[in-house]
C-alpha atoms as a PDB file:
ATOM      1  CA  MET A   1     -20.705 -61.751  11.198  1.00  0.00           C
ATOM      2  CA  LYS A   2     -21.219 -64.543  13.273  1.00  0.00           C
ATOM      3  CA  LYS A   3     -24.109 -64.114  16.136  1.00  0.00           C
ATOM      4  CA  LYS A   4     -22.238 -64.235  19.754  1.00  0.00           C
ATOM      5  CA  SER A   5     -23.845 -67.045  21.980  1.00  0.00           C
ATOM      6  CA  LYS A   6     -25.659 -66.231  24.828  1.00  0.00           C
ATOM      7  CA  LYS A   7     -24.281 -66.986  28.418  1.00  0.00           C
ATOM      8  CA  ILE A   8     -26.110 -68.303  31.162  1.00  0.00           C
ATOM      9  CA  VAL A   9     -25.410 -68.978  34.898  1.00  0.00           C
ATOM     10  CA  VAL A  10     -26.898 -72.395  36.038  1.00  0.00           C
ATOM     11  CA  THR A  11     -26.878 -72.718  40.094  1.00  0.00           C
ATOM     12  CA  GLY A  12     -26.781 -76.215  40.939  1.00  0.00           C
ATOM     13  CA  ALA A  13     -25.458 -77.598  37.778  1.00  0.00           C
ATOM     14  CA  ALA A  14     -23.998 -80.600  39.194  1.00  0.00           C
ATOM     15  CA  GLY A  15     -27.482 -81.843  40.180  1.00  0.00           C
ATOM     16  CA  PHE A  16     -29.977 -83.787  38.551  1.00  0.00           C
ATOM     17  CA  ILE A  17     -31.807 -81.237  36.717  1.00  0.00           C
ATOM     18  CA  GLY A  18     -28.741 -78.914  36.569  1.00  0.00           C
ATOM     19  CA  LEU A  19     -27.166 -81.444  34.577  1.00  0.00           C
ATOM     20  CA  HIS A  20     -30.123 -82.040  32.067  1.00  0.00           C
ATOM     21  CA  LEU A  21     -30.660 -78.174  31.593  1.00  0.00           C
ATOM     22  CA  SER A  22     -26.921 -77.456  30.997  1.00  0.00           C
ATOM     23  CA  GLN A  23     -26.704 -80.148  28.655  1.00  0.00           C
ATOM     24  CA  ALA A  24     -29.766 -79.016  26.532  1.00  0.00           C
ATOM     25  CA  LEU A  25     -28.391 -75.513  26.569  1.00  0.00           C
ATOM     26  CA  LEU A  26     -25.029 -76.267  25.442  1.00  0.00           C
ATOM     27  CA  GLU A  27     -26.667 -78.482  22.691  1.00  0.00           C
ATOM     28  CA  ARG A  28     -28.432 -75.230  21.730  1.00  0.00           C
ATOM     29  CA  GLY A  29     -25.188 -73.338  21.387  1.00  0.00           C
ATOM     30  CA  TRP A  30     -25.260 -71.254  24.906  1.00  0.00           C
ATOM     31  CA  ARG A  31     -22.130 -70.797  27.004  1.00  0.00           C
ATOM     32  CA  VAL A  32     -22.934 -72.354  30.415  1.00  0.00           C
ATOM     33  CA  ILE A  33     -21.479 -71.021  33.868  1.00  0.00           C
ATOM     34  CA  GLY A  34     -21.983 -73.946  36.328  1.00  0.00           C
ATOM     35  CA  ILE A  35     -22.024 -73.247  40.113  1.00  0.00           C
ATOM     36  CA  ASP A  36     -22.345 -75.832  42.736  1.00  0.00           C
ATOM     37  CA  SER A  37     -21.055 -76.512  46.127  1.00  0.00           C
ATOM     38  CA  MET A  38     -20.710 -80.140  45.623  1.00  0.00           C
ATOM     39  CA  ASN A  39     -21.927 -80.851  49.285  1.00  0.00           C
ATOM     40  CA  ASP A  40     -22.331 -84.452  50.459  1.00  0.00           C
ATOM     41  CA  TYR A  41     -25.802 -84.875  51.355  1.00  0.00           C
ATOM     42  CA  TYR A  42     -25.770 -87.726  48.811  1.00  0.00           C
ATOM     43  CA  ASP A  43     -22.451 -89.135  47.367  1.00  0.00           C
ATOM     44  CA  PRO A  44     -20.644 -86.499  45.635  1.00  0.00           C
ATOM     45  CA  ARG A  45     -19.275 -89.157  43.219  1.00  0.00           C
ATOM     46  CA  ILE A  46     -22.314 -88.861  41.283  1.00  0.00           C
ATOM     47  CA  LYS A  47     -22.282 -85.255  41.196  1.00  0.00           C
ATOM     48  CA  ARG A  48     -18.522 -85.510  39.635  1.00  0.00           C
ATOM     49  CA  LYS A  49     -19.857 -87.984  36.996  1.00  0.00           C
ATOM     50  CA  ARG A  50     -22.598 -85.360  35.928  1.00  0.00           C
ATOM     51  CA  LEU A  51     -19.689 -82.684  35.810  1.00  0.00           C
ATOM     52  CA  ALA A  52     -17.528 -84.919  33.678  1.00  0.00           C
ATOM     53  CA  LEU A  53     -20.213 -85.097  31.318  1.00  0.00           C
ATOM     54  CA  LEU A  54     -20.519 -81.316  31.010  1.00  0.00           C
ATOM     55  CA  LYS A  55     -16.898 -80.525  30.941  1.00  0.00           C
ATOM     56  CA  LYS A  56     -16.612 -82.417  27.773  1.00  0.00           C
ATOM     57  CA  ASN A  57     -18.198 -79.446  26.233  1.00  0.00           C
ATOM     58  CA  ALA A  58     -15.517 -76.516  25.831  1.00  0.00           C
ATOM     59  CA  ALA A  59     -18.412 -73.922  26.261  1.00  0.00           C
ATOM     60  CA  PHE A  60     -19.047 -75.130  29.952  1.00  0.00           C
ATOM     61  CA  ARG A  61     -16.985 -73.509  32.728  1.00  0.00           C
ATOM     62  CA  PHE A  62     -17.650 -74.648  36.266  1.00  0.00           C
ATOM     63  CA  TYR A  63     -16.910 -72.805  39.769  1.00  0.00           C
ATOM     64  CA  LYS A  64     -17.014 -74.746  43.103  1.00  0.00           C
ATOM     65  CA  VAL A  65     -18.785 -72.210  45.083  1.00  0.00           C
ATOM     66  CA  ASN A  66     -21.245 -72.215  48.130  1.00  0.00           C
ATOM     67  CA  ILE A  67     -23.943 -69.877  47.054  1.00  0.00           C
ATOM     68  CA  ALA A  68     -24.384 -68.765  50.801  1.00  0.00           C
ATOM     69  CA  ARG A  69     -21.139 -67.061  50.419  1.00  0.00           C
ATOM     70  CA  TYR A  70     -22.254 -63.570  48.898  1.00  0.00           C
ATOM     71  CA  ALA A  71     -18.600 -62.234  47.857  1.00  0.00           C
ATOM     72  CA  ALA A  72     -18.031 -65.361  45.710  1.00  0.00           C
ATOM     73  CA  VAL A  73     -21.642 -65.300  44.125  1.00  0.00           C
ATOM     74  CA  GLU A  74     -21.003 -61.504  43.248  1.00  0.00           C
ATOM     75  CA  LYS A  75     -17.486 -62.032  41.717  1.00  0.00           C
ATOM     76  CA  ILE A  76     -18.710 -64.851  39.598  1.00  0.00           C
ATOM     77  CA  LEU A  77     -21.656 -62.804  38.190  1.00  0.00           C
ATOM     78  CA  LYS A  78     -19.393 -59.666  37.771  1.00  0.00           C
ATOM     79  CA  THR A  79     -16.798 -61.702  36.025  1.00  0.00           C
ATOM     80  CA  GLU A  80     -18.755 -63.620  33.508  1.00  0.00           C
ATOM     81  CA  LYS A  81     -21.405 -61.142  32.923  1.00  0.00           C
ATOM     82  CA  PRO A  82     -24.146 -63.644  31.839  1.00  0.00           C
ATOM     83  CA  ASP A  83     -27.291 -63.003  29.873  1.00  0.00           C
ATOM     84  CA  GLU A  84     -29.520 -65.054  32.004  1.00  0.00           C
ATOM     85  CA  ILE A  85     -29.446 -66.850  35.806  1.00  0.00           C
ATOM     86  CA  VAL A  86     -31.287 -69.940  36.157  1.00  0.00           C
ATOM     87  CA  HIS A  87     -31.289 -70.750  40.056  1.00  0.00           C
ATOM     88  CA  LEU A  88     -31.743 -74.515  40.835  1.00  0.00           C
ATOM     89  CA  ALA A  89     -29.309 -74.888  43.593  1.00  0.00           C
ATOM     90  CA  ALA A  90     -30.644 -76.023  46.632  1.00  0.00           C
ATOM     91  CA  GLN A  91     -30.691 -78.523  49.667  1.00  0.00           C
ATOM     92  CA  ALA A  92     -33.258 -81.103  48.782  1.00  0.00           C
ATOM     93  CA  GLY A  93     -34.813 -83.795  50.424  1.00  0.00           C
ATOM     94  CA  VAL A  94     -37.969 -83.630  52.953  1.00  0.00           C
ATOM     95  CA  ARG A  95     -36.772 -86.066  55.487  1.00  0.00           C
ATOM     96  CA  HIS A  96     -33.275 -84.691  55.590  1.00  0.00           C
ATOM     97  CA  SER A  97     -34.669 -81.164  56.340  1.00  0.00           C
ATOM     98  CA  LEU A  98     -36.285 -82.797  59.913  1.00  0.00           C
ATOM     99  CA  SER A  99     -32.859 -83.727  61.035  1.00  0.00           C
ATOM    100  CA  ASP A 100     -30.674 -80.931  59.828  1.00  0.00           C
ATOM    101  CA  PRO A 101     -32.752 -77.708  59.150  1.00  0.00           C
ATOM    102  CA  TRP A 102     -29.573 -75.426  59.499  1.00  0.00           C
ATOM    103  CA  SER A 103     -28.487 -76.622  55.893  1.00  0.00           C
ATOM    104  CA  TYR A 104     -31.976 -75.918  54.413  1.00  0.00           C
ATOM    105  CA  LEU A 105     -31.888 -72.288  55.931  1.00  0.00           C
ATOM    106  CA  GLU A 106     -28.405 -71.575  54.537  1.00  0.00           C
ATOM    107  CA  SER A 107     -28.483 -72.994  51.072  1.00  0.00           C
ATOM    108  CA  ASN A 108     -32.110 -72.477  50.196  1.00  0.00           C
ATOM    109  CA  GLU A 109     -32.893 -68.789  51.813  1.00  0.00           C
ATOM    110  CA  LEU A 110     -29.608 -67.507  52.406  1.00  0.00           C
ATOM    111  CA  GLY A 111     -28.377 -68.796  49.069  1.00  0.00           C
ATOM    112  CA  THR A 112     -31.311 -67.559  47.221  1.00  0.00           C
ATOM    113  CA  LEU A 113     -31.154 -64.089  48.938  1.00  0.00           C
ATOM    114  CA  ASN A 114     -27.555 -63.879  47.800  1.00  0.00           C
ATOM    115  CA  ILE A 115     -28.741 -64.835  44.059  1.00  0.00           C
ATOM    116  CA  PHE A 116     -31.326 -62.085  44.058  1.00  0.00           C
ATOM    117  CA  GLU A 117     -29.289 -59.317  45.810  1.00  0.00           C
ATOM    118  CA  ALA A 118     -26.468 -59.924  43.336  1.00  0.00           C
ATOM    119  CA  ALA A 119     -29.023 -59.585  40.433  1.00  0.00           C
ATOM    120  CA  LYS A 120     -30.126 -56.531  42.066  1.00  0.00           C
ATOM    121  CA  ARG A 121     -26.615 -54.860  42.431  1.00  0.00           C
ATOM    122  CA  LEU A 122     -25.465 -56.080  39.029  1.00  0.00           C
ATOM    123  CA  ALA A 123     -28.665 -54.919  37.309  1.00  0.00           C
ATOM    124  CA  PHE A 124     -29.844 -58.370  35.784  1.00  0.00           C
ATOM    125  CA  SER A 125     -33.380 -58.093  34.074  1.00  0.00           C
ATOM    126  CA  ARG A 126     -34.472 -61.581  35.305  1.00  0.00           C
ATOM    127  CA  VAL A 127     -33.839 -64.685  37.434  1.00  0.00           C
ATOM    128  CA  LEU A 128     -35.557 -67.840  37.154  1.00  0.00           C
ATOM    129  CA  PHE A 129     -35.644 -70.097  40.240  1.00  0.00           C
ATOM    130  CA  ALA A 130     -36.603 -73.319  41.268  1.00  0.00           C
ATOM    131  CA  SER A 131     -39.536 -73.811  43.613  1.00  0.00           C
ATOM    132  CA  SER A 132     -41.266 -77.043  44.571  1.00  0.00           C
ATOM    133  CA  SER A 133     -45.107 -78.378  44.671  1.00  0.00           C
ATOM    134  CA  SER A 134     -44.106 -78.876  48.387  1.00  0.00           C
ATOM    135  CA  VAL A 135     -45.265 -75.307  48.923  1.00  0.00           C
ATOM    136  CA  TYR A 136     -48.882 -76.447  48.416  1.00  0.00           C
ATOM    137  CA  GLY A 137     -48.597 -78.250  52.003  1.00  0.00           C
ATOM    138  CA  THR A 138     -52.019 -79.167  53.655  1.00  0.00           C
ATOM    139  CA  ASN A 139     -53.998 -77.815  50.710  1.00  0.00           C
ATOM    140  CA  THR A 140     -56.432 -80.485  49.827  1.00  0.00           C
ATOM    141  CA  LYS A 141     -57.525 -79.227  46.243  1.00  0.00           C
ATOM    142  CA  SER A 142     -56.591 -81.272  43.250  1.00  0.00           C
ATOM    143  CA  PRO A 143     -55.266 -80.603  40.850  1.00  0.00           C
ATOM    144  CA  MET A 144     -53.055 -77.958  42.473  1.00  0.00           C
ATOM    145  CA  SER A 145     -53.236 -74.410  40.648  1.00  0.00           C
ATOM    146  CA  GLU A 146     -50.603 -71.566  41.322  1.00  0.00           C
ATOM    147  CA  ASP A 147     -53.499 -69.450  42.746  1.00  0.00           C
ATOM    148  CA  ASP A 148     -54.094 -71.955  45.579  1.00  0.00           C
ATOM    149  CA  ARG A 149     -52.988 -70.987  49.135  1.00  0.00           C
ATOM    150  CA  THR A 150     -49.680 -72.087  50.155  1.00  0.00           C
ATOM    151  CA  ASP A 151     -49.326 -70.744  53.632  1.00  0.00           C
ATOM    152  CA  SER A 152     -49.487 -74.142  55.449  1.00  0.00           C
ATOM    153  CA  PRO A 153     -45.989 -75.941  54.555  1.00  0.00           C
ATOM    154  CA  MET A 154     -45.547 -79.302  55.914  1.00  0.00           C
ATOM    155  CA  SER A 155     -41.814 -79.601  55.985  1.00  0.00           C
ATOM    156  CA  ILE A 156     -38.789 -77.318  56.593  1.00  0.00           C
ATOM    157  CA  TYR A 157     -37.887 -77.913  53.086  1.00  0.00           C
ATOM    158  CA  ALA A 158     -41.302 -76.876  51.884  1.00  0.00           C
ATOM    159  CA  ALA A 159     -41.101 -73.738  53.936  1.00  0.00           C
ATOM    160  CA  THR A 160     -37.724 -72.607  52.615  1.00  0.00           C
ATOM    161  CA  LYS A 161     -39.169 -72.730  49.002  1.00  0.00           C
ATOM    162  CA  LYS A 162     -42.404 -70.801  50.087  1.00  0.00           C
ATOM    163  CA  ALA A 163     -39.897 -68.248  51.798  1.00  0.00           C
ATOM    164  CA  ASN A 164     -38.101 -68.185  48.322  1.00  0.00           C
ATOM    165  CA  GLU A 165     -41.361 -67.119  46.394  1.00  0.00           C
ATOM    166  CA  ALA A 166     -42.067 -64.331  49.065  1.00  0.00           C
ATOM    167  CA  LEU A 167     -38.443 -63.155  48.854  1.00  0.00           C
ATOM    168  CA  ALA A 168     -38.770 -63.148  44.868  1.00  0.00           C
ATOM    169  CA  HIS A 169     -41.809 -61.160  45.006  1.00  0.00           C
ATOM    170  CA  SER A 170     -39.983 -58.610  47.496  1.00  0.00           C
ATOM    171  CA  TYR A 171     -37.007 -58.158  44.883  1.00  0.00           C
ATOM    172  CA  HIS A 172     -39.543 -57.904  42.027  1.00  0.00           C
ATOM    173  CA  HIS A 173     -41.816 -55.233  43.698  1.00  0.00           C
ATOM    174  CA  LEU A 174     -38.683 -53.190  44.827  1.00  0.00           C
ATOM    175  CA  TYR A 175     -36.129 -53.510  42.183  1.00  0.00           C
ATOM    176  CA  GLY A 176     -38.316 -54.559  38.989  1.00  0.00           C
ATOM    177  CA  ILE A 177     -36.628 -57.722  38.442  1.00  0.00           C
ATOM    178  CA  GLU A 178     -38.246 -60.380  36.589  1.00  0.00           C
ATOM    179  CA  CYS A 179     -38.684 -63.388  38.950  1.00  0.00           C
ATOM    180  CA  ILE A 180     -40.014 -66.627  37.569  1.00  0.00           C
ATOM    181  CA  GLY A 181     -40.561 -69.269  40.178  1.00  0.00           C
ATOM    182  CA  LEU A 182     -41.037 -72.898  38.893  1.00  0.00           C
ATOM    183  CA  ARG A 183     -42.869 -75.265  41.072  1.00  0.00           C
ATOM    184  CA  PHE A 184     -41.543 -78.755  39.993  1.00  0.00           C
ATOM    185  CA  PHE A 185     -43.761 -81.890  40.499  1.00  0.00           C
ATOM    186  CA  THR A 186     -41.828 -85.103  41.417  1.00  0.00           C
ATOM    187  CA  VAL A 187     -39.203 -84.851  38.520  1.00  0.00           C
ATOM    188  CA  TYR A 188     -37.525 -88.229  37.860  1.00  0.00           C
ATOM    189  CA  GLY A 189     -34.995 -89.434  35.055  1.00  0.00           C
ATOM    190  CA  THR A 190     -31.538 -90.589  34.354  1.00  0.00           C
ATOM    191  CA  TRP A 191     -28.886 -89.111  36.769  1.00  0.00           C
ATOM    192  CA  GLY A 192     -31.544 -88.706  39.146  1.00  0.00           C
ATOM    193  CA  ARG A 193     -30.630 -88.334  42.967  1.00  0.00           C
ATOM    194  CA  PRO A 194     -29.774 -91.557  45.033  1.00  0.00           C
ATOM    195  CA  ASP A 195     -32.583 -90.394  47.597  1.00  0.00           C
ATOM    196  CA  MET A 196     -35.327 -90.172  45.117  1.00  0.00           C
ATOM    197  CA  ALA A 197     -38.093 -92.688  44.939  1.00  0.00           C
ATOM    198  CA  LEU A 198     -37.536 -93.991  41.563  1.00  0.00           C
ATOM    199  CA  PHE A 199     -33.646 -94.424  42.351  1.00  0.00           C
ATOM    200  CA  LYS A 200     -34.455 -96.273  45.552  1.00  0.00           C
ATOM    201  CA  PHE A 201     -37.303 -98.318  44.066  1.00  0.00           C
ATOM    202  CA  ALA A 202     -35.265 -99.460  41.077  1.00  0.00           C
ATOM    203  CA  LYS A 203     -32.221 -99.982  42.937  1.00  0.00           C
ATOM    204  CA  ASN A 204     -33.759-102.212  45.600  1.00  0.00           C
ATOM    205  CA  ILE A 205     -36.104-104.362  43.240  1.00  0.00           C
ATOM    206  CA  LEU A 206     -32.921-105.070  41.000  1.00  0.00           C
ATOM    207  CA  ILE A 207     -31.075-106.529  44.271  1.00  0.00           C
ATOM    208  CA  GLY A 208     -33.902-107.996  45.682  1.00  0.00           C
ATOM    209  CA  ALA A 209     -34.092-105.703  48.761  1.00  0.00           C
ATOM    210  CA  PRO A 210     -37.241-104.675  50.458  1.00  0.00           C
ATOM    211  CA  ILE A 211     -38.674-101.083  49.163  1.00  0.00           C
ATOM    212  CA  ASP A 212     -40.432 -98.778  51.915  1.00  0.00           C
ATOM    213  CA  VAL A 213     -43.816 -97.820  50.640  1.00  0.00           C
ATOM    214  CA  TYR A 214     -45.092 -94.873  52.772  1.00  0.00           C
ATOM    215  CA  ASN A 215     -48.819 -94.526  53.493  1.00  0.00           C
ATOM    216  CA  ARG A 216     -49.126 -98.340  52.185  1.00  0.00           C
ATOM    217  CA  GLY A 217     -48.932 -96.656  48.922  1.00  0.00           C
ATOM    218  CA  ARG A 218     -51.930 -94.456  49.040  1.00  0.00           C
ATOM    219  CA  MET A 219     -50.167 -91.571  47.330  1.00  0.00           C
ATOM    220  CA  LEU A 220     -51.227 -89.811  44.030  1.00  0.00           C
ATOM    221  CA  ARG A 221     -48.391 -87.981  42.134  1.00  0.00           C
ATOM    222  CA  SER A 222     -47.930 -86.149  38.949  1.00  0.00           C
ATOM    223  CA  PHE A 223     -44.667 -87.853  37.894  1.00  0.00           C
ATOM    224  CA  THR A 224     -42.590 -85.403  35.692  1.00  0.00           C
ATOM    225  CA  HIS A 225     -39.698 -86.477  33.307  1.00  0.00           C
ATOM    226  CA  VAL A 226     -36.537 -84.176  33.713  1.00  0.00           C
ATOM    227  CA  SER A 227     -36.856 -83.590  30.094  1.00  0.00           C
ATOM    228  CA  ASP A 228     -40.133 -81.904  30.329  1.00  0.00           C
ATOM    229  CA  ILE A 229     -38.735 -79.980  32.905  1.00  0.00           C
ATOM    230  CA  VAL A 230     -36.171 -78.614  30.802  1.00  0.00           C
ATOM    231  CA  ALA A 231     -38.329 -77.870  27.991  1.00  0.00           C
ATOM    232  CA  GLY A 232     -40.308 -75.631  30.267  1.00  0.00           C
ATOM    233  CA  ILE A 233     -37.444 -73.721  31.406  1.00  0.00           C
ATOM    234  CA  LEU A 234     -36.189 -73.487  27.686  1.00  0.00           C
ATOM    235  CA  GLY A 235     -39.596 -72.188  26.856  1.00  0.00           C
ATOM    236  CA  ILE A 236     -39.364 -69.365  29.468  1.00  0.00           C
ATOM    237  CA  LEU A 237     -35.821 -68.206  28.341  1.00  0.00           C
ATOM    238  CA  ALA A 238     -37.182 -68.130  24.750  1.00  0.00           C
ATOM    239  CA  LYS A 239     -39.296 -65.281  25.855  1.00  0.00           C
ATOM    240  CA  PRO A 240     -37.950 -61.687  26.434  1.00  0.00           C
ATOM    241  CA  SER A 241     -37.865 -60.343  30.021  1.00  0.00           C
ATOM    242  CA  ARG A 242     -41.297 -58.522  30.658  1.00  0.00           C
ATOM    243  CA  GLY A 243     -40.470 -57.444  34.364  1.00  0.00           C
ATOM    244  CA  ARG A 244     -43.166 -59.903  35.866  1.00  0.00           C
ATOM    245  CA  TYR A 245     -43.345 -61.915  38.788  1.00  0.00           C
ATOM    246  CA  LYS A 246     -44.851 -65.242  37.996  1.00  0.00           C
ATOM    247  CA  LEU A 247     -45.411 -69.007  39.286  1.00  0.00           C
ATOM    248  CA  TYR A 248     -45.925 -71.739  37.305  1.00  0.00           C
ATOM    249  CA  ASN A 249     -46.507 -75.447  37.935  1.00  0.00           C
ATOM    250  CA  LEU A 250     -44.462 -77.873  35.823  1.00  0.00           C
ATOM    251  CA  GLY A 251     -45.947 -81.268  36.094  1.00  0.00           C
ATOM    252  CA  GLY A 252     -45.945 -84.326  34.271  1.00  0.00           C
ATOM    253  CA  ALA A 253     -47.960 -85.928  31.179  1.00  0.00           C
ATOM    254  CA  GLU A 254     -49.498 -88.618  33.520  1.00  0.00           C
ATOM    255  CA  THR A 255     -50.513 -88.591  36.958  1.00  0.00           C
ATOM    256  CA  ILE A 256     -50.785 -91.964  38.685  1.00  0.00           C
ATOM    257  CA  PRO A 257     -51.117 -93.651  42.151  1.00  0.00           C
ATOM    258  CA  LEU A 258     -47.696 -94.887  43.537  1.00  0.00           C
ATOM    259  CA  LEU A 259     -48.526 -98.392  43.554  1.00  0.00           C
ATOM    260  CA  GLU A 260     -48.957 -98.067  39.755  1.00  0.00           C
ATOM    261  CA  PHE A 261     -45.726 -96.272  39.609  1.00  0.00           C
ATOM    262  CA  ILE A 262     -44.057 -99.260  41.580  1.00  0.00           C
ATOM    263  CA  GLY A 263     -45.804-101.794  39.018  1.00  0.00           C
ATOM    264  CA  GLN A 264     -44.231 -99.945  35.859  1.00  0.00           C
ATOM    265  CA  ILE A 265     -40.857-100.431  37.721  1.00  0.00           C
ATOM    266  CA  GLU A 266     -41.477-104.026  38.093  1.00  0.00           C
ATOM    267  CA  ARG A 267     -42.359-104.461  34.678  1.00  0.00           C
ATOM    268  CA  ALA A 268     -39.382-102.535  33.337  1.00  0.00           C
ATOM    269  CA  THR A 269     -36.853-104.735  35.666  1.00  0.00           C
ATOM    270  CA  GLY A 270     -38.896-107.844  35.228  1.00  0.00           C
ATOM    271  CA  LYS A 271     -38.980-108.234  38.872  1.00  0.00           C
ATOM    272  CA  LYS A 272     -41.506-108.182  41.730  1.00  0.00           C
ATOM    273  CA  ALA A 273     -40.839-105.732  44.460  1.00  0.00           C
ATOM    274  CA  VAL A 274     -40.543-106.808  47.951  1.00  0.00           C
ATOM    275  CA  ARG A 275     -42.875-104.255  49.539  1.00  0.00           C
ATOM    276  CA  ARG A 276     -42.616-103.005  53.128  1.00  0.00           C
ATOM    277  CA  LEU A 277     -45.766-101.072  53.969  1.00  0.00           C
ATOM    278  CA  LEU A 278     -45.466 -98.225  56.203  1.00  0.00           C
ATOM    279  CA  PRO A 279     -47.432 -95.099  57.559  1.00  0.00           C
ATOM    280  CA  MET A 280     -47.156 -91.736  56.172  1.00  0.00           C
ATOM    281  CA  GLN A 281     -43.624 -90.138  56.287  1.00  0.00           C
ATOM    282  CA  SER A 282     -43.601 -87.016  58.576  1.00  0.00           C
ATOM    283  CA  GLY A 283     -43.659 -84.131  56.065  1.00  0.00           C
ATOM    284  CA  ASP A 284     -45.083 -85.891  53.203  1.00  0.00           C
ATOM    285  CA  VAL A 285     -48.382 -85.295  51.357  1.00  0.00           C
ATOM    286  CA  ARG A 286     -50.887 -87.821  50.159  1.00  0.00           C
ATOM    287  CA  GLU A 287     -51.369 -85.915  46.670  1.00  0.00           C
ATOM    288  CA  SER A 288     -49.480 -83.881  44.469  1.00  0.00           C
ATOM    289  CA  VAL A 289     -51.149 -83.342  41.134  1.00  0.00           C
ATOM    290  CA  ALA A 290     -50.322 -80.472  39.062  1.00  0.00           C
ATOM    291  CA  ASP A 291     -52.853 -77.776  37.078  1.00  0.00           C
ATOM    292  CA  TRP A 292     -50.088 -76.540  34.480  1.00  0.00           C
ATOM    293  CA  SER A 293     -52.778 -74.968  32.284  1.00  0.00           C
ATOM    294  CA  LYS A 294     -51.014 -71.481  32.882  1.00  0.00           C
ATOM    295  CA  ALA A 295     -47.637 -72.540  31.697  1.00  0.00           C
ATOM    296  CA  ARG A 296     -49.246 -73.981  28.635  1.00  0.00           C
ATOM    297  CA  ALA A 297     -51.138 -70.565  27.871  1.00  0.00           C
ATOM    298  CA  ASP A 298     -48.025 -68.671  28.554  1.00  0.00           C
ATOM    299  CA  PHE A 299     -44.771 -70.419  26.902  1.00  0.00           C
ATOM    300  CA  GLY A 300     -46.628 -73.489  25.452  1.00  0.00           C
ATOM    301  CA  PHE A 301     -45.745 -75.908  28.138  1.00  0.00           C
ATOM    302  CA  THR A 302     -46.900 -79.480  27.262  1.00  0.00           C
ATOM    303  CA  PRO A 303     -45.072 -82.536  28.996  1.00  0.00           C
ATOM    304  CA  ALA A 304     -44.316 -85.209  26.338  1.00  0.00           C
ATOM    305  CA  ILE A 305     -42.940 -88.179  28.211  1.00  0.00           C
ATOM    306  CA  GLY A 306     -45.130 -90.890  29.706  1.00  0.00           C
ATOM    307  CA  ILE A 307     -44.546 -92.869  32.719  1.00  0.00           C
ATOM    308  CA  GLU A 308     -43.822 -95.985  30.994  1.00  0.00           C
ATOM    309  CA  ALA A 309     -41.281 -94.578  28.379  1.00  0.00           C
ATOM    310  CA  GLY A 310     -39.597 -92.486  31.285  1.00  0.00           C
ATOM    311  CA  ILE A 311     -39.336 -95.424  33.564  1.00  0.00           C
ATOM    312  CA  SER A 312     -38.046 -97.773  30.873  1.00  0.00           C
ATOM    313  CA  GLU A 313     -35.269 -95.305  30.135  1.00  0.00           C
ATOM    314  CA  PHE A 314     -34.340 -95.001  33.676  1.00  0.00           C
ATOM    315  CA  VAL A 315     -33.915 -98.692  34.120  1.00  0.00           C
ATOM    316  CA  ASP A 316     -31.966 -99.206  31.066  1.00  0.00           C
ATOM    317  CA  TRP A 317     -29.574 -96.434  32.342  1.00  0.00           C
ATOM    318  CA  PHE A 318     -29.532 -97.681  35.908  1.00  0.00           C
ATOM    319  CA  ARG A 319     -28.488-101.411  34.502  1.00  0.00           C
ATOM    320  CA  GLU A 320     -25.885 -99.738  32.133  1.00  0.00           C
ATOM    321  CA  ASN A 321     -24.187 -97.977  35.163  1.00  0.00           C
ATOM    322  CA  GLU A 322     -25.166-100.655  37.808  1.00  0.00           C
ATOM    323  CA  ARG A 323     -21.847-101.511  39.050  1.00  0.00           C
ATOM    324  CA  PHE A 324     -21.248 -97.754  40.093  1.00  0.00           C
ATOM    325  CA  LEU A 325     -24.635 -96.762  41.161  1.00  0.00           C
ATOM    326  CA  LEU A 326     -24.809 -99.669  43.650  1.00  0.00           C
ATOM    327  CA  SER A 327     -21.520 -98.601  44.908  1.00  0.00           C
ATOM    328  CA  LEU A 328     -22.844 -94.962  46.042  1.00  0.00           C
ATOM    329  CA  ARG A 329     -23.336 -94.531  49.777  1.00  0.00           C
ATOM    330  CA  GLU A 330     -26.670 -94.044  51.344  1.00  0.00           C
ATOM    331  CA  PRO A 331     -28.035 -90.246  51.504  1.00  0.00           C
ATOM    332  CA  ARG A 332     -28.087 -88.594  54.648  1.00  0.00           C
ATOM    333  CA  GLN A 333     -31.254 -88.904  56.702  1.00  0.00           C
END
């Protein structure tokens, strides 16, 4: 008898990481239930493009739903009865959180509460959820470990991610749900958000516009290719639920200064950047360097994609889709 394929709910399925995770799951024979509000923080046309890619597979089903609406979330989970939940949906962007904090509280905190509450009421054993390296805030220890303090976030976005980790611990402690939080470090790759550094830098370098380089480029980042993030999530899903509360750093194969990152884009495009050197951006941090040894020990996480290969892939993709990508409106500030 043919084995029944597993079913998974992915919130934020029309997002950057949501697309790549959903594609990988579909390729492995999962049935994927995507949820996304399709909000207009950045041009929703790129979200529709991502969705179109997913809808080519008959094993993908989509619900346009705001996860801040509890009844809608519970109805989907009751109807679909998935085996797993991966919660990626969130209002992204550090700078925008300074001008519209309400959207972050609604999507990131209320939305996450609704996912955990529905998991409790419907007796799901596990929820994987996206956190962020931003939770490390003013922590100056490098590399950053899951055991480091995270009680001094430097942006409202970071504060909502830290709140989600605390909320997850409460649901684990009270109801025994396995809650696995994933702290993503500076993720990049094809179909990325237009507000992300690689997208903005590549776009402006290709058209000859200046790029904004904050803190005069004196930044250090664990740049993480999206395929390595996906591999990490798949590694956890391959393990049975054990009723744990656990946080993991998922960081990249290489940690390099921002100026070297820009240099790699210049080499990939064959063009020099016009650099506009600026002070540190409010809410940003100088270093974001991942210690991912716990993820390696627990589920074999080992990032494989280096900066040069990852940026080259992105630039090739950008050029293939240049007319569409250059037509996208600027993200909200």
